[in-house]
Amino acid sequence: MLAIAGCGGSTPVKSSGDAGQAERTPSERAGSVPAQAIPPAVLTLFEQAAASMASGDFVDAELRFKEFLLQYPGYPGAHVNLAI
C-alpha cells in the first residue's frame, strides 16, 4: 500500500508580508528556500489537488498539480506531490 498522507499537508505561503528572521526555518534563513506569495485562487487549486490525492482520485490530483505548476513552477511541494 502506498502512503501519501505525509506529502499532501504542505501548503504554499498565503501572504506576501515579510517574515522576521525568527519566524523562518533554518533553510529559509540560509537562503536556500525562497518564500513565495501565492494568490488565494492558486492556493485553492493546490489545496484541491491535495484533497483529490488524499481521497484517492489520482488522475484529478495530477491534473490540478500540473495546472498549479504552470503558474508556480518553482514551488517544490507540488513537484513532490506530483511525483507520488
N, C-alpha and C. Protein backbone atom coordinates (compact mmCIF):
# COMPACT_ATOMS: atom_id res chain seq x y z
N MET A 1 0.84 -1.18 0.00
CA MET A 1 0.00 0.00 0.00
C MET A 1 0.89 1.24 0.00
N LEU A 2 0.50 2.23 -0.73
CA LEU A 2 1.25 3.47 -0.85
C LEU A 2 0.76 4.47 0.18
N ALA A 3 1.65 5.00 0.98
CA ALA A 3 1.29 6.01 1.98
C ALA A 3 1.59 7.39 1.41
N ILE A 4 0.57 8.25 1.35
CA ILE A 4 0.75 9.57 0.76
C ILE A 4 0.41 10.71 1.70
N ALA A 5 -0.03 10.42 2.88
CA ALA A 5 -0.51 11.47 3.78
C ALA A 5 0.57 12.47 4.15
N GLY A 6 1.81 12.08 4.24
CA GLY A 6 2.87 12.98 4.67
C GLY A 6 3.18 14.08 3.69
N CYS A 7 2.95 13.89 2.43
CA CYS A 7 3.31 14.89 1.43
C CYS A 7 2.19 15.87 1.14
N GLY A 8 0.97 15.50 1.35
CA GLY A 8 -0.16 16.35 0.99
C GLY A 8 -0.40 17.49 1.96
N GLY A 9 0.25 17.51 3.10
CA GLY A 9 -0.04 18.51 4.12
C GLY A 9 0.71 19.81 3.97
N SER A 10 1.66 19.91 3.11
CA SER A 10 2.44 21.12 2.95
C SER A 10 1.74 22.06 1.99
N THR A 11 1.43 23.28 2.45
CA THR A 11 0.76 24.23 1.58
C THR A 11 1.64 25.44 1.37
N PRO A 12 1.44 26.16 0.28
CA PRO A 12 2.23 27.34 -0.03
C PRO A 12 1.99 28.47 0.97
N VAL A 13 2.88 29.45 0.98
CA VAL A 13 2.75 30.63 1.82
C VAL A 13 1.61 31.47 1.29
N LYS A 14 0.68 31.90 2.17
CA LYS A 14 -0.50 32.64 1.74
C LYS A 14 -0.26 34.13 1.57
N SER A 15 0.55 34.73 2.39
CA SER A 15 0.68 36.18 2.35
C SER A 15 2.03 36.59 1.77
N SER A 16 2.09 37.86 1.37
CA SER A 16 3.33 38.35 0.80
C SER A 16 4.11 39.21 1.79
N GLY A 17 3.66 39.27 3.04
CA GLY A 17 4.33 40.08 4.05
C GLY A 17 5.71 39.52 4.39
N ASP A 18 6.58 40.40 4.84
CA ASP A 18 7.92 39.96 5.23
C ASP A 18 7.86 39.23 6.55
N ALA A 19 8.43 38.07 6.60
CA ALA A 19 8.52 37.31 7.85
C ALA A 19 9.84 37.65 8.52
N GLY A 20 9.82 37.76 9.82
CA GLY A 20 11.04 38.05 10.57
C GLY A 20 11.97 36.85 10.56
N GLN A 21 13.22 37.09 10.87
CA GLN A 21 14.20 36.00 10.90
C GLN A 21 13.79 34.90 11.87
N ALA A 22 13.17 35.26 13.00
CA ALA A 22 12.80 34.26 13.99
C ALA A 22 11.69 33.34 13.48
N GLU A 23 10.87 33.81 12.55
CA GLU A 23 9.75 33.03 12.02
C GLU A 23 10.16 32.12 10.88
N ARG A 24 11.34 32.25 10.37
CA ARG A 24 11.79 31.46 9.22
C ARG A 24 12.50 30.19 9.68
N THR A 25 12.45 29.19 8.83
CA THR A 25 13.16 27.95 9.12
C THR A 25 14.65 28.18 8.86
N PRO A 26 15.51 27.32 9.39
CA PRO A 26 16.95 27.49 9.14
C PRO A 26 17.30 27.52 7.66
N SER A 27 16.64 26.70 6.84
CA SER A 27 16.97 26.69 5.41
C SER A 27 16.52 27.98 4.73
N GLU A 28 15.41 28.58 5.20
CA GLU A 28 14.98 29.85 4.63
C GLU A 28 15.94 30.97 5.03
N ARG A 29 16.43 30.94 6.28
CA ARG A 29 17.40 31.95 6.71
C ARG A 29 18.69 31.83 5.92
N ALA A 30 19.03 30.62 5.51
CA ALA A 30 20.25 30.40 4.73
C ALA A 30 20.05 30.80 3.28
N GLY A 31 18.81 31.04 2.88
CA GLY A 31 18.53 31.47 1.52
C GLY A 31 18.28 30.35 0.54
N SER A 32 18.17 29.11 1.00
CA SER A 32 18.00 28.01 0.06
C SER A 32 16.54 27.77 -0.33
N VAL A 33 15.58 28.28 0.44
CA VAL A 33 14.17 28.08 0.12
C VAL A 33 13.46 29.43 0.15
N PRO A 34 13.32 30.08 -1.00
CA PRO A 34 12.65 31.37 -1.01
C PRO A 34 11.14 31.21 -0.79
N ALA A 35 10.56 32.05 0.04
CA ALA A 35 9.11 32.02 0.27
C ALA A 35 8.43 32.72 -0.89
N GLN A 36 7.36 32.14 -1.37
CA GLN A 36 6.62 32.73 -2.47
C GLN A 36 5.23 33.13 -1.99
N ALA A 37 4.78 34.30 -2.38
CA ALA A 37 3.42 34.71 -2.10
C ALA A 37 2.55 34.15 -3.21
N ILE A 38 1.55 33.39 -2.84
CA ILE A 38 0.70 32.75 -3.82
C ILE A 38 -0.71 33.27 -3.66
N PRO A 39 -1.33 33.76 -4.75
CA PRO A 39 -2.70 34.28 -4.67
C PRO A 39 -3.67 33.23 -4.14
N PRO A 40 -4.71 33.67 -3.43
CA PRO A 40 -5.68 32.73 -2.85
C PRO A 40 -6.31 31.77 -3.85
N ALA A 41 -6.59 32.22 -5.06
CA ALA A 41 -7.20 31.34 -6.07
C ALA A 41 -6.26 30.20 -6.44
N VAL A 42 -4.98 30.49 -6.54
CA VAL A 42 -4.00 29.47 -6.88
C VAL A 42 -3.77 28.55 -5.68
N LEU A 43 -3.78 29.11 -4.48
CA LEU A 43 -3.65 28.31 -3.27
C LEU A 43 -4.81 27.32 -3.17
N THR A 44 -6.00 27.77 -3.53
CA THR A 44 -7.17 26.88 -3.54
C THR A 44 -6.95 25.73 -4.50
N LEU A 45 -6.35 25.98 -5.64
CA LEU A 45 -6.05 24.93 -6.60
C LEU A 45 -5.11 23.89 -6.00
N PHE A 46 -4.08 24.35 -5.28
CA PHE A 46 -3.15 23.43 -4.63
C PHE A 46 -3.88 22.60 -3.58
N GLU A 47 -4.72 23.24 -2.78
CA GLU A 47 -5.46 22.53 -1.73
C GLU A 47 -6.43 21.51 -2.33
N GLN A 48 -7.07 21.85 -3.45
CA GLN A 48 -7.97 20.92 -4.12
C GLN A 48 -7.19 19.72 -4.65
N ALA A 49 -6.01 19.97 -5.18
CA ALA A 49 -5.18 18.87 -5.69
C ALA A 49 -4.78 17.94 -4.55
N ALA A 50 -4.39 18.52 -3.42
CA ALA A 50 -4.01 17.71 -2.26
C ALA A 50 -5.21 16.91 -1.75
N ALA A 51 -6.39 17.51 -1.75
CA ALA A 51 -7.60 16.81 -1.30
C ALA A 51 -7.94 15.67 -2.26
N SER A 52 -7.79 15.90 -3.55
CA SER A 52 -8.04 14.84 -4.53
C SER A 52 -7.08 13.68 -4.32
N MET A 53 -5.83 14.00 -4.06
CA MET A 53 -4.83 12.97 -3.83
C MET A 53 -5.17 12.18 -2.56
N ALA A 54 -5.57 12.88 -1.51
CA ALA A 54 -5.90 12.22 -0.24
C ALA A 54 -7.12 11.33 -0.37
N SER A 55 -8.06 11.70 -1.25
CA SER A 55 -9.27 10.90 -1.43
C SER A 55 -9.07 9.74 -2.40
N GLY A 56 -7.91 9.69 -3.04
CA GLY A 56 -7.61 8.58 -3.95
C GLY A 56 -7.90 8.87 -5.41
N ASP A 57 -8.32 10.10 -5.74
CA ASP A 57 -8.59 10.46 -7.13
C ASP A 57 -7.29 11.01 -7.73
N PHE A 58 -6.41 10.09 -8.10
CA PHE A 58 -5.06 10.47 -8.52
C PHE A 58 -5.03 11.15 -9.88
N VAL A 59 -5.96 10.84 -10.76
CA VAL A 59 -6.00 11.49 -12.07
C VAL A 59 -6.33 12.97 -11.91
N ASP A 60 -7.36 13.26 -11.11
CA ASP A 60 -7.74 14.65 -10.86
C ASP A 60 -6.61 15.39 -10.13
N ALA A 61 -6.00 14.73 -9.15
CA ALA A 61 -4.89 15.35 -8.41
C ALA A 61 -3.74 15.69 -9.36
N GLU A 62 -3.41 14.77 -10.25
CA GLU A 62 -2.33 15.02 -11.20
C GLU A 62 -2.62 16.23 -12.06
N LEU A 63 -3.84 16.33 -12.57
CA LEU A 63 -4.20 17.47 -13.43
C LEU A 63 -4.14 18.79 -12.65
N ARG A 64 -4.62 18.78 -11.42
CA ARG A 64 -4.61 20.00 -10.61
C ARG A 64 -3.19 20.42 -10.23
N PHE A 65 -2.34 19.45 -9.88
CA PHE A 65 -0.95 19.80 -9.57
C PHE A 65 -0.24 20.34 -10.81
N LYS A 66 -0.50 19.77 -11.96
CA LYS A 66 0.12 20.27 -13.20
C LYS A 66 -0.36 21.68 -13.50
N GLU A 67 -1.65 21.94 -13.29
CA GLU A 67 -2.19 23.28 -13.51
C GLU A 67 -1.54 24.29 -12.55
N PHE A 68 -1.38 23.87 -11.30
CA PHE A 68 -0.71 24.72 -10.31
C PHE A 68 0.72 25.02 -10.74
N LEU A 69 1.43 23.99 -11.21
CA LEU A 69 2.83 24.16 -11.59
C LEU A 69 3.01 25.01 -12.85
N LEU A 70 1.99 25.10 -13.68
CA LEU A 70 2.07 26.01 -14.82
C LEU A 70 2.18 27.46 -14.35
N GLN A 71 1.54 27.76 -13.22
CA GLN A 71 1.56 29.12 -12.68
C GLN A 71 2.72 29.35 -11.71
N TYR A 72 3.11 28.30 -10.97
CA TYR A 72 4.19 28.41 -10.00
C TYR A 72 5.15 27.23 -10.15
N PRO A 73 5.95 27.22 -11.21
CA PRO A 73 6.83 26.07 -11.47
C PRO A 73 7.94 25.88 -10.43
N GLY A 74 8.23 26.89 -9.66
CA GLY A 74 9.30 26.79 -8.68
C GLY A 74 8.87 26.29 -7.32
N TYR A 75 7.59 25.96 -7.15
CA TYR A 75 7.13 25.51 -5.84
C TYR A 75 7.39 24.02 -5.68
N PRO A 76 8.30 23.62 -4.79
CA PRO A 76 8.71 22.22 -4.69
C PRO A 76 7.63 21.27 -4.18
N GLY A 77 6.72 21.75 -3.33
CA GLY A 77 5.69 20.87 -2.77
C GLY A 77 4.81 20.24 -3.84
N ALA A 78 4.47 21.00 -4.85
CA ALA A 78 3.64 20.46 -5.93
C ALA A 78 4.41 19.44 -6.76
N HIS A 79 5.70 19.68 -6.97
CA HIS A 79 6.53 18.71 -7.70
C HIS A 79 6.61 17.39 -6.94
N VAL A 80 6.78 17.48 -5.63
CA VAL A 80 6.87 16.27 -4.80
C VAL A 80 5.57 15.50 -4.86
N ASN A 81 4.45 16.19 -4.69
CA ASN A 81 3.16 15.50 -4.73
C ASN A 81 2.87 14.93 -6.11
N LEU A 82 3.27 15.61 -7.14
CA LEU A 82 3.07 15.10 -8.50
C LEU A 82 3.90 13.86 -8.75
N ALA A 83 5.04 13.77 -8.13
CA ALA A 83 5.92 12.62 -8.32
C ALA A 83 5.41 11.35 -7.64
N ILE A 84 4.49 11.52 -6.70
CA ILE A 84 3.98 10.35 -5.95
C ILE A 84 3.11 9.51 -6.80
